[in-house]
Amino acid sequence: MTKIVNHWIGGKTVEGASGTYGPVTDPATGEVTAKVAFASVEEVDAAVAAAKDAFATWRHSSLAQRTSILFKFRALLDAHRDEIARLITAEHGKVHSDALGEVARGLEIVDLACGINVQLKGELSTQVATRVDVAAIRQPLGVVAGITPFNFPAMVPMWMFPIAIACGNTFVLKPSEKDPSASIRLAELLAEAGLPDGVFNVVQGDKVAVDRLLEHPDVQAISFVGSTPIARHIHATASAHGKRVQALGGAKNHMLVLPDADLDAAADAAVSAAYGSAGERCMAISAVVAVGSIGDELVEKIRERAEKIKIGPGDDPASEMGPLITKEHRDRVASYVTNAASEGAEVVLDGTGYTVEGYENGHWIGISLLDKVPTTSKAYQDEIFGPVLCVLRVDTYEEGVALINASPFGNGTAIFTRDGGAARRFQLEVEAGMVGVNVPIPVPVGYHSFGGWKDSLFGDHHIYGNDGTHFYTRGKVITSRWPDPSETPAGVDLGFPRNH
């Protein structure tokens, strides 16, 4: 029988009642391996209602109780990391080692949530006036929701729900319908760790489920990671319904290579960052900006390395890069390479038409490398989200920074150089939220926050780190006065209150 991926509501699996399902495909074979239930408005409402009921109790749970459960969840997640990675590979297609890395990155945020008591410490000022004290505390919002993408079906949800839950909120997750199984396994492990029913819920589905979460009056906040057009829609719609929103959008991450850089290290980094996970990363390097006369040598070094990448099924230990998520996405990525020459670029490597023997129906595409790419081309302007690397040429550092800053995206960027002064100048001048110095994918560790600038982020808060704690809580300031029993009452005073 075909596997069915259902919802998780109120601490248990709930079969889809809408009668609408979507296919779940193995990208390596092209075969449909499961179907996923698509939630109706009523099913989303049931998940939100379960979360709202659970919040009444969970918000009053002690920090010790919350973190104890999260410590148990962390141990279970660590013990089952290989199993979860295999679920990811089977439905996303990324190689097993990359899937394991995704789980490890998610564990970092669980670690952070286990120590949330430090982040939630309040403030107290005593004797601000005679026998008057002022305290500042942070409290949970209520029911919060996460809408997450296909490219990191375990990690991105774990950027959200551990911190939200640790802060005392309850959570409704709407994962990608393309690779939904990891989310259900995470729910099962949370339940095994002792999380009360209704604190964490999963609704599978499509736009119907998303739109209902955006407008539901009992959902207080929305976290989203995905493309820029959808992020903009999420932010506008949820904000119009009075919700707090963090919506992370797309990217076109640049890597500036100065003439003094170690070109072998730069080429290694460019290949790793551009083609890892078949380029289906919002932090992938998709544009290398070569400064001065190094362009030809750098492109040749990138080509030499890229040609050696082993492409194959994600469950084959010999594979370094797997397929793309769907046939439609594969065809879209290929179109940028097919049209590159007519738009003025030089096609150094053409990965279109690539197949893997024995897996001819998989969603395969090979490595593509485009040189001398004009900024007017679609290959440069769009987020391709596939294994296509564009190389652009500039004469000076100043031209390179101006090119990067002219991009509407500002997610991540990197500079490769031996010059500390140039690196310091770059990190201050470049308009991006995350900067790497000789580091191609500058994803921050869990105790710093992740987020971009410009069209890469809609909302005021980055994700996880201190920003995550602030996003999932709201401040309250309490001013108290306890008069001395022997004190004479001050009487009525209609003047503006003064501290004295």
Protein backbone atom coordinates (compact mmCIF):
# COMPACT_ATOMS: atom_id res chain seq x y z
CA MET A 1 0.00 0.00 0.00
CA THR A 2 1.13 3.55 -0.68
CA LYS A 3 2.54 5.30 2.37
CA ILE A 4 0.38 8.19 3.58
CA VAL A 5 1.89 11.10 5.49
CA ASN A 6 -0.80 12.58 7.73
CA HIS A 7 -1.11 15.41 10.23
CA TRP A 8 -0.01 15.50 13.88
CA ILE A 9 -2.58 17.23 16.05
CA GLY A 10 -3.02 17.11 19.81
CA GLY A 11 -0.22 14.60 20.34
CA LYS A 12 -1.27 11.99 17.80
CA THR A 13 -1.44 11.19 14.11
CA VAL A 14 -4.63 12.47 12.50
CA GLU A 15 -5.68 11.13 9.12
CA GLY A 16 -6.48 13.67 6.44
CA ALA A 17 -10.20 14.34 6.16
CA SER A 18 -10.19 16.68 3.16
CA GLY A 19 -9.71 13.86 0.66
CA THR A 20 -7.00 15.89 -1.09
CA TYR A 21 -3.48 14.51 -1.32
CA GLY A 22 -0.22 15.42 -2.98
CA PRO A 23 2.50 13.11 -4.31
CA VAL A 24 5.81 12.59 -2.49
CA THR A 25 8.52 11.59 -4.96
CA ASP A 26 11.94 10.00 -4.70
CA PRO A 27 13.98 12.51 -6.71
CA ALA A 28 16.59 9.89 -7.62
CA THR A 29 14.08 7.61 -9.35
CA GLY A 30 11.20 9.91 -10.17
CA GLU A 31 8.84 7.42 -8.54
CA VAL A 32 5.98 8.44 -6.26
CA THR A 33 6.75 6.77 -2.93
CA ALA A 34 4.01 8.26 -0.75
CA LYS A 35 1.15 10.70 -0.69
CA VAL A 36 0.68 13.52 1.77
CA ALA A 37 -2.64 14.73 3.12
CA PHE A 38 -3.55 18.33 2.32
CA ALA A 39 -5.27 20.02 5.23
CA SER A 40 -8.60 21.75 4.88
CA VAL A 41 -9.42 24.98 6.70
CA GLU A 42 -11.21 22.90 9.34
CA GLU A 43 -8.14 20.74 9.93
CA VAL A 44 -5.92 23.80 10.35
CA ASP A 45 -8.47 25.17 12.80
CA ALA A 46 -8.33 21.90 14.75
CA ALA A 47 -4.53 22.14 15.02
CA VAL A 48 -4.69 25.76 16.16
CA ALA A 49 -7.42 24.88 18.68
CA ALA A 50 -5.26 22.07 20.10
CA ALA A 51 -2.34 24.47 20.40
CA LYS A 52 -4.50 27.13 22.04
CA ASP A 53 -5.84 24.66 24.60
CA ALA A 54 -2.31 23.46 25.38
CA PHE A 55 -1.03 27.02 25.76
CA ALA A 56 -3.28 27.62 28.75
CA THR A 57 -1.18 25.13 30.72
CA TRP A 58 2.17 25.21 28.91
CA ARG A 59 2.64 28.95 29.42
CA HIS A 60 2.64 28.36 33.18
CA SER A 61 5.06 25.42 33.06
CA SER A 62 8.37 26.05 34.74
CA LEU A 63 11.54 26.72 32.80
CA ALA A 64 12.96 23.60 34.41
CA GLN A 65 10.09 21.50 33.04
CA ARG A 66 10.42 22.91 29.52
CA THR A 67 14.18 22.52 29.33
CA SER A 68 14.03 19.03 30.84
CA ILE A 69 11.79 17.93 27.98
CA LEU A 70 14.03 19.62 25.43
CA PHE A 71 17.11 17.88 26.87
CA LYS A 72 15.31 14.53 26.42
CA PHE A 73 14.30 15.53 22.89
CA ARG A 74 17.90 16.43 22.11
CA ALA A 75 19.09 13.00 23.26
CA LEU A 76 16.44 11.27 21.15
CA LEU A 77 17.25 13.42 18.14
CA ASP A 78 20.92 12.59 18.49
CA ALA A 79 20.14 8.87 18.74
CA HIS A 80 17.89 8.97 15.66
CA ARG A 81 19.89 11.39 13.55
CA ASP A 82 20.80 8.75 10.97
CA GLU A 83 17.15 7.69 10.62
CA ILE A 84 16.01 11.29 10.11
CA ALA A 85 18.79 11.89 7.59
CA ARG A 86 17.61 8.88 5.59
CA LEU A 87 14.07 10.25 5.53
CA ILE A 88 15.45 13.53 4.20
CA THR A 89 17.52 11.83 1.51
CA ALA A 90 14.60 9.68 0.38
CA GLU A 91 12.31 12.65 -0.20
CA HIS A 92 14.65 15.58 -0.86
CA GLY A 93 17.44 13.76 -2.68
CA LYS A 94 20.46 15.32 -0.94
CA VAL A 95 23.31 12.97 -0.12
CA HIS A 96 23.27 11.27 3.26
CA SER A 97 26.27 13.15 4.66
CA ASP A 98 24.61 16.46 3.79
CA ALA A 99 21.38 15.34 5.44
CA LEU A 100 23.32 14.42 8.57
CA GLY A 101 24.85 17.89 8.54
CA GLU A 102 21.36 19.38 8.39
CA VAL A 103 20.30 17.45 11.48
CA ALA A 104 23.48 18.51 13.27
CA ARG A 105 22.73 22.17 12.54
CA GLY A 106 19.22 21.70 13.90
CA LEU A 107 20.67 20.18 17.05
CA GLU A 108 22.61 23.41 17.63
CA ILE A 109 19.34 25.31 18.02
CA VAL A 110 17.94 22.63 20.33
CA ASP A 111 21.09 23.15 22.42
CA LEU A 112 20.31 26.86 22.51
CA ALA A 113 16.72 26.19 23.56
CA CYS A 114 17.90 23.90 26.37
CA GLY A 115 19.62 26.94 27.88
CA ILE A 116 16.75 29.34 27.29
CA ASN A 117 16.57 30.22 30.98
CA VAL A 118 19.58 32.48 30.48
CA GLN A 119 17.89 34.30 27.58
CA LEU A 120 14.66 34.77 29.52
CA LYS A 121 16.21 36.39 32.57
CA GLY A 122 14.37 39.60 33.39
CA GLU A 123 15.66 42.89 34.70
CA LEU A 124 15.05 44.59 38.03
CA SER A 125 15.77 48.16 39.08
CA THR A 126 15.21 48.84 42.77
CA GLN A 127 14.48 52.13 44.47
CA VAL A 128 13.90 54.05 41.20
CA ALA A 129 11.83 56.31 43.46
CA THR A 130 11.02 56.09 47.14
CA ARG A 131 10.10 52.43 47.75
CA VAL A 132 9.37 51.97 44.00
CA ASP A 133 10.87 49.11 41.98
CA VAL A 134 10.66 48.45 38.23
CA ALA A 135 10.93 44.97 36.70
CA ALA A 136 11.05 43.95 33.02
CA ILE A 137 10.03 40.44 32.03
CA ARG A 138 9.37 38.59 28.77
CA GLN A 139 6.29 36.45 28.25
CA PRO A 140 5.21 34.02 25.49
CA LEU A 141 2.91 35.13 22.68
CA GLY A 142 0.55 32.14 22.49
CA VAL A 143 0.02 30.00 19.39
CA VAL A 144 2.76 30.56 16.82
CA ALA A 145 3.22 28.96 13.41
CA GLY A 146 6.11 28.01 11.15
CA ILE A 147 5.94 27.60 7.37
CA THR A 148 9.08 25.89 6.14
CA PRO A 149 10.72 25.04 2.77
CA PHE A 150 11.64 21.78 1.08
CA ASN A 151 15.40 22.27 1.05
CA PHE A 152 15.89 21.76 4.81
CA PRO A 153 12.91 19.73 6.04
CA ALA A 154 14.44 19.12 9.50
CA MET A 155 16.83 21.98 10.12
CA VAL A 156 14.61 24.97 9.32
CA PRO A 157 11.71 23.76 11.51
CA MET A 158 14.29 23.33 14.28
CA TRP A 159 15.35 26.93 13.76
CA MET A 160 11.86 27.79 14.99
CA PHE A 161 9.96 25.40 17.26
CA PRO A 162 12.59 24.60 19.96
CA ILE A 163 12.98 28.28 20.87
CA ALA A 164 9.25 29.00 20.54
CA ILE A 165 8.35 26.07 22.80
CA ALA A 166 11.12 26.85 25.31
CA CYS A 167 9.74 30.39 25.60
CA GLY A 168 6.34 28.97 26.58
CA ASN A 169 4.50 29.16 23.25
CA THR A 170 2.70 26.36 21.44
CA PHE A 171 3.51 25.64 17.81
CA VAL A 172 1.82 24.69 14.53
CA LEU A 173 4.20 23.62 11.74
CA LYS A 174 3.27 23.61 8.06
CA PRO A 175 6.20 21.85 6.36
CA SER A 176 6.81 21.55 2.64
CA GLU A 177 4.51 19.07 0.97
CA LYS A 178 7.45 17.83 -1.12
CA ASP A 179 9.32 16.15 1.78
CA PRO A 180 6.97 15.95 4.78
CA SER A 181 8.07 12.80 6.62
CA ALA A 182 10.86 14.34 8.72
CA SER A 183 8.39 16.70 10.39
CA ILE A 184 6.22 13.83 11.61
CA ARG A 185 9.23 11.97 12.96
CA LEU A 186 10.27 15.09 14.88
CA ALA A 187 6.75 15.27 16.34
CA GLU A 188 6.96 11.65 17.44
CA LEU A 189 10.31 12.25 19.16
CA LEU A 190 8.95 15.32 20.95
CA ALA A 191 6.04 13.24 22.24
CA GLU A 192 8.45 10.51 23.35
CA ALA A 193 10.44 13.16 25.22
CA GLY A 194 7.33 14.02 27.22
CA LEU A 195 6.06 17.16 25.46
CA PRO A 196 2.39 17.62 26.43
CA ASP A 197 -0.23 16.99 23.77
CA GLY A 198 -0.99 20.01 21.63
CA VAL A 199 2.20 21.94 22.31
CA PHE A 200 3.59 20.89 18.90
CA ASN A 201 1.34 20.19 15.92
CA VAL A 202 1.92 19.52 12.21
CA VAL A 203 -0.53 20.28 9.42
CA GLN A 204 0.45 19.10 5.98
CA GLY A 205 -0.83 20.87 2.93
CA ASP A 206 -0.60 23.59 0.36
CA LYS A 207 -1.78 27.19 -0.06
CA VAL A 208 -5.10 26.46 1.68
CA ALA A 209 -3.30 25.58 4.91
CA VAL A 210 -0.85 28.49 4.60
CA ASP A 211 -3.55 31.08 3.98
CA ARG A 212 -5.60 29.87 6.93
CA LEU A 213 -2.62 30.16 9.27
CA LEU A 214 -1.94 33.68 8.00
CA GLU A 215 -5.46 34.85 8.79
CA HIS A 216 -6.36 32.73 11.83
CA PRO A 217 -7.17 35.06 14.76
CA ASP A 218 -5.61 32.73 17.34
CA VAL A 219 -2.19 32.57 15.62
CA GLN A 220 -0.04 35.31 17.10
CA ALA A 221 3.12 35.02 14.99
CA ILE A 222 4.34 33.54 11.72
CA SER A 223 7.87 32.36 10.91
CA PHE A 224 8.63 31.65 7.25
CA VAL A 225 11.59 30.64 5.11
CA GLY A 226 11.25 30.46 1.32
CA SER A 227 11.41 32.49 -1.87
CA THR A 228 11.25 36.29 -1.93
CA PRO A 229 7.85 36.59 -3.67
CA ILE A 230 6.22 34.26 -1.13
CA ALA A 231 8.05 35.89 1.78
CA ARG A 232 6.72 39.27 0.69
CA HIS A 233 3.18 37.83 0.49
CA ILE A 234 3.50 36.13 3.88
CA HIS A 235 4.73 39.32 5.51
CA ALA A 236 2.05 41.55 3.99
CA THR A 237 -0.83 39.16 4.63
CA ALA A 238 0.07 38.11 8.16
CA SER A 239 0.89 41.68 9.17
CA ALA A 240 -2.46 42.85 7.82
CA HIS A 241 -4.05 40.32 10.20
CA GLY A 242 -2.17 41.77 13.17
CA LYS A 243 0.52 39.10 13.50
CA ARG A 244 4.19 39.36 14.28
CA VAL A 245 6.13 38.12 11.23
CA GLN A 246 9.65 37.03 10.34
CA ALA A 247 9.77 36.05 6.65
CA LEU A 248 13.13 35.04 5.21
CA GLY A 249 13.26 35.30 1.43
CA GLY A 250 15.57 34.36 -1.42
CA ALA A 251 19.19 35.12 -2.16
CA LYS A 252 21.87 35.70 -4.73
CA ASN A 253 24.97 35.24 -2.63
CA HIS A 254 28.18 36.74 -4.01
CA MET A 255 31.76 35.74 -3.33
CA LEU A 256 34.28 38.50 -4.01
CA VAL A 257 37.76 37.17 -4.86
CA LEU A 258 40.59 39.70 -4.70
CA PRO A 259 43.82 39.33 -6.70
CA ASP A 260 45.83 38.47 -3.58
CA ALA A 261 43.57 35.57 -2.56
CA ASP A 262 44.71 31.96 -2.39
CA LEU A 263 43.04 30.90 -5.65
CA ASP A 264 43.12 27.19 -4.83
CA ALA A 265 41.31 27.84 -1.55
CA ALA A 266 38.89 30.18 -3.31
CA ALA A 267 38.15 27.61 -6.01
CA ASP A 268 37.60 24.88 -3.42
CA ALA A 269 35.23 27.13 -1.54
CA ALA A 270 33.33 28.25 -4.63
CA VAL A 271 32.72 24.68 -5.79
CA SER A 272 31.71 23.48 -2.34
CA ALA A 273 29.36 26.39 -1.73
CA ALA A 274 27.83 26.51 -5.20
CA TYR A 275 27.20 22.81 -5.82
CA GLY A 276 26.61 21.38 -2.35
CA SER A 277 23.07 20.02 -2.01
CA ALA A 278 22.76 20.62 -5.79
CA GLY A 279 22.64 24.35 -5.12
CA GLU A 280 19.31 24.07 -3.28
CA ARG A 281 20.47 26.25 -0.39
CA CYS A 282 19.52 29.84 0.37
CA MET A 283 23.13 30.33 1.45
CA ALA A 284 24.68 28.80 -1.67
CA ILE A 285 27.27 30.89 -3.47
CA SER A 286 25.73 31.51 -6.88
CA ALA A 287 27.86 34.42 -8.10
CA VAL A 288 31.65 34.67 -7.95
CA VAL A 289 33.02 38.16 -8.58
CA ALA A 290 36.62 37.98 -9.80
CA VAL A 291 38.64 41.17 -9.36
CA GLY A 292 41.41 42.15 -11.76
CA SER A 293 43.42 39.70 -13.81
CA ILE A 294 42.70 36.53 -11.84
CA GLY A 295 39.45 35.66 -13.65
CA ASP A 296 40.77 33.19 -16.21
CA GLU A 297 42.91 31.27 -13.71
CA LEU A 298 40.11 31.15 -11.13
CA VAL A 299 37.53 29.91 -13.65
CA GLU A 300 39.90 27.19 -14.81
CA LYS A 301 40.49 26.02 -11.25
CA ILE A 302 36.74 25.95 -10.58
CA ARG A 303 36.14 24.01 -13.79
CA GLU A 304 38.80 21.40 -12.93
CA ARG A 305 37.20 20.75 -9.56
CA ALA A 306 33.59 20.87 -10.72
CA GLU A 307 34.14 18.27 -13.43
CA LYS A 308 35.23 15.74 -10.80
CA ILE A 309 32.07 15.92 -8.68
CA LYS A 310 30.35 12.54 -8.42
CA ILE A 311 26.61 12.86 -9.06
CA GLY A 312 24.30 10.05 -8.02
CA PRO A 313 21.58 8.86 -5.64
CA GLY A 314 21.78 10.37 -2.19
CA ASP A 315 21.89 6.97 -0.49
CA ASP A 316 25.03 5.98 -2.45
CA PRO A 317 28.06 6.75 -0.23
CA ALA A 318 30.07 7.56 -3.37
CA SER A 319 27.70 10.37 -4.39
CA GLU A 320 28.72 13.96 -3.66
CA MET A 321 25.66 15.61 -5.23
CA GLY A 322 22.15 14.29 -5.66
CA PRO A 323 19.19 15.19 -7.90
CA LEU A 324 16.91 18.21 -7.75
CA ILE A 325 13.64 18.03 -5.84
CA THR A 326 11.22 17.83 -8.81
CA LYS A 327 11.27 17.43 -12.59
CA GLU A 328 9.69 20.87 -12.97
CA HIS A 329 12.42 22.49 -10.90
CA ARG A 330 15.08 20.60 -12.86
CA ASP A 331 13.67 21.94 -16.13
CA ARG A 332 13.54 25.48 -14.75
CA VAL A 333 17.18 25.35 -13.63
CA ALA A 334 18.24 23.94 -17.01
CA SER A 335 16.55 26.83 -18.83
CA TYR A 336 18.98 29.33 -17.32
CA VAL A 337 21.93 27.41 -18.76
CA THR A 338 20.24 26.88 -22.12
CA ASN A 339 19.60 30.62 -22.49
CA ALA A 340 22.89 31.82 -21.01
CA ALA A 341 24.86 32.20 -24.23
CA SER A 342 22.13 34.22 -25.91
CA GLU A 343 22.19 36.56 -22.91
CA GLY A 344 25.90 37.19 -23.27
CA ALA A 345 27.48 34.64 -20.95
CA GLU A 346 30.15 32.09 -21.80
CA VAL A 347 29.08 28.52 -20.99
CA VAL A 348 32.13 26.78 -19.55
CA LEU A 349 30.26 23.71 -18.26
CA ASP A 350 26.76 22.68 -19.38
CA GLY A 351 25.03 20.26 -17.00
CA THR A 352 21.75 20.05 -18.87
CA GLY A 353 20.78 16.66 -20.22
CA TYR A 354 22.71 14.83 -17.51
CA THR A 355 21.45 11.38 -16.47
CA VAL A 356 22.59 8.65 -14.08
CA GLU A 357 22.73 5.10 -15.36
CA GLY A 358 20.00 3.00 -13.82
CA TYR A 359 18.16 6.11 -12.60
CA GLU A 360 17.19 7.65 -15.91
CA ASN A 361 13.84 8.92 -14.62
CA GLY A 362 15.40 10.84 -11.73
CA HIS A 363 15.47 14.62 -11.56
CA TRP A 364 19.07 14.92 -12.64
CA ILE A 365 21.09 17.88 -13.77
CA GLY A 366 24.85 18.18 -13.96
CA ILE A 367 27.24 20.91 -12.95
CA SER A 368 26.99 24.18 -14.88
CA LEU A 369 29.54 26.99 -14.86
CA LEU A 370 28.89 30.31 -16.61
CA ASP A 371 31.66 32.88 -17.11
CA LYS A 372 31.63 36.60 -17.98
CA VAL A 373 27.98 36.75 -17.00
CA PRO A 374 26.37 40.15 -17.62
CA THR A 375 24.33 41.62 -14.79
CA THR A 376 21.44 42.03 -17.23
CA SER A 377 21.04 38.27 -17.73
CA LYS A 378 18.34 36.20 -16.07
CA ALA A 379 21.01 33.76 -14.88
CA TYR A 380 22.43 36.54 -12.74
CA GLN A 381 19.27 38.36 -11.72
CA ASP A 382 17.18 35.38 -10.59
CA GLU A 383 17.65 32.99 -7.71
CA ILE A 384 18.26 29.79 -9.70
CA PHE A 385 18.39 27.43 -6.71
CA GLY A 386 20.35 24.79 -8.58
CA PRO A 387 23.94 23.78 -9.42
CA VAL A 388 24.68 26.78 -11.65
CA LEU A 389 27.57 29.09 -10.76
CA CYS A 390 27.91 32.50 -12.42
CA VAL A 391 31.30 34.23 -12.64
CA LEU A 392 31.41 37.98 -13.14
CA ARG A 393 34.47 40.12 -13.87
CA VAL A 394 35.31 43.53 -12.39
CA ASP A 395 38.48 45.60 -12.40
CA THR A 396 38.57 46.83 -8.83
CA TYR A 397 37.43 46.11 -5.29
CA GLU A 398 35.18 49.16 -5.42
CA GLU A 399 33.43 47.89 -8.56
CA GLY A 400 32.92 44.51 -6.93
CA VAL A 401 31.31 45.93 -3.80
CA ALA A 402 29.12 48.24 -5.90
CA LEU A 403 27.97 45.25 -7.96
CA ILE A 404 27.10 43.24 -4.86
CA ASN A 405 25.29 46.15 -3.21
CA ALA A 406 23.25 46.79 -6.37
CA SER A 407 21.62 43.36 -6.01
CA PRO A 408 18.12 43.41 -4.53
CA PHE A 409 19.14 40.44 -2.37
CA GLY A 410 21.24 40.76 0.77
CA ASN A 411 21.30 37.35 2.42
CA GLY A 412 24.93 36.22 2.64
CA THR A 413 28.21 37.22 1.01
CA ALA A 414 31.90 36.43 1.28
CA ILE A 415 35.30 37.87 0.48
CA PHE A 416 38.46 35.89 -0.22
CA THR A 417 41.67 37.79 0.40
CA ARG A 418 44.90 37.83 2.41
CA ASP A 419 44.48 41.55 3.06
CA GLY A 420 43.04 42.19 6.54
CA GLY A 421 42.36 45.83 5.75
CA ALA A 422 40.33 44.94 2.66
CA ALA A 423 38.42 42.29 4.60
CA ARG A 424 37.58 44.72 7.38
CA ARG A 425 36.46 47.33 4.88
CA PHE A 426 34.30 44.78 3.06
CA GLN A 427 32.48 43.58 6.16
CA LEU A 428 31.53 47.18 6.97
CA GLU A 429 30.63 48.31 3.44
CA VAL A 430 28.80 45.32 1.98
CA GLU A 431 24.99 45.33 2.24
CA ALA A 432 24.18 41.85 3.46
CA GLY A 433 23.06 40.32 6.73
CA MET A 434 25.74 37.61 6.94
CA VAL A 435 29.35 38.07 5.85
CA GLY A 436 32.14 35.53 5.50
CA VAL A 437 35.84 36.34 5.42
CA ASN A 438 37.49 33.42 3.64
CA VAL A 439 34.34 31.50 4.65
CA PRO A 440 32.01 30.85 1.71
CA ILE A 441 28.80 29.98 3.60
CA PRO A 442 28.70 32.22 6.68
CA VAL A 443 25.76 30.57 8.45
CA PRO A 444 25.99 31.79 12.07
CA VAL A 445 26.26 29.40 14.99
CA GLY A 446 23.07 28.95 16.99
CA TYR A 447 23.74 31.63 19.59
CA HIS A 448 24.00 34.30 16.88
CA SER A 449 21.06 35.13 14.62
CA PHE A 450 20.48 34.17 10.97
CA GLY A 451 18.98 36.66 8.55
CA GLY A 452 19.57 38.84 5.53
CA TRP A 453 18.92 42.38 4.37
CA LYS A 454 16.82 43.92 1.59
CA ASP A 455 14.65 41.40 -0.31
CA SER A 456 16.10 38.52 1.71
CA LEU A 457 14.19 39.39 4.89
CA PHE A 458 10.77 40.84 5.59
CA GLY A 459 10.15 41.76 9.22
CA ASP A 460 12.29 43.16 12.00
CA HIS A 461 13.65 39.97 13.53
CA HIS A 462 16.25 37.52 12.29
CA ILE A 463 15.79 33.87 13.14
CA TYR A 464 17.16 31.97 16.20
CA GLY A 465 19.77 33.47 18.54
CA ASN A 466 18.73 36.49 20.61
CA ASP A 467 16.43 37.63 17.81
CA GLY A 468 14.57 34.33 18.01
CA THR A 469 13.98 34.68 21.73
CA HIS A 470 12.74 38.24 21.30
CA PHE A 471 10.51 37.27 18.38
CA TYR A 472 8.73 34.56 20.36
CA THR A 473 8.23 36.69 23.48
CA ARG A 474 6.95 40.16 24.28
CA GLY A 475 8.12 42.51 26.96
CA LYS A 476 6.24 43.63 30.02
CA VAL A 477 7.40 46.28 32.50
CA ILE A 478 6.04 46.21 36.07
CA THR A 479 6.30 49.21 38.38
CA SER A 480 5.51 48.45 42.04
CA ARG A 481 5.37 50.41 45.24
CA TRP A 482 5.00 48.86 48.69
CA PRO A 483 4.56 51.65 51.22
CA ASP A 484 5.86 51.37 54.71
CA PRO A 485 2.93 50.63 57.09
CA SER A 486 3.92 53.64 59.19
CA GLU A 487 3.96 55.97 56.19
CA THR A 488 1.43 58.79 56.06
CA PRO A 489 -0.77 58.56 52.92
CA ALA A 490 0.36 61.08 50.30
CA GLY A 491 -3.15 62.07 49.36
CA VAL A 492 -4.55 62.95 45.95
CA ASP A 493 -2.07 64.42 43.45
CA LEU A 494 -3.29 65.16 39.90
CA GLY A 495 0.16 66.17 38.68
CA PHE A 496 2.16 64.06 36.23
CA PRO A 497 3.94 61.24 38.14
CA ARG A 498 7.57 62.04 38.94
CA ASN A 499 10.31 59.85 40.29
CA HIS A 500 11.65 61.20 43.55
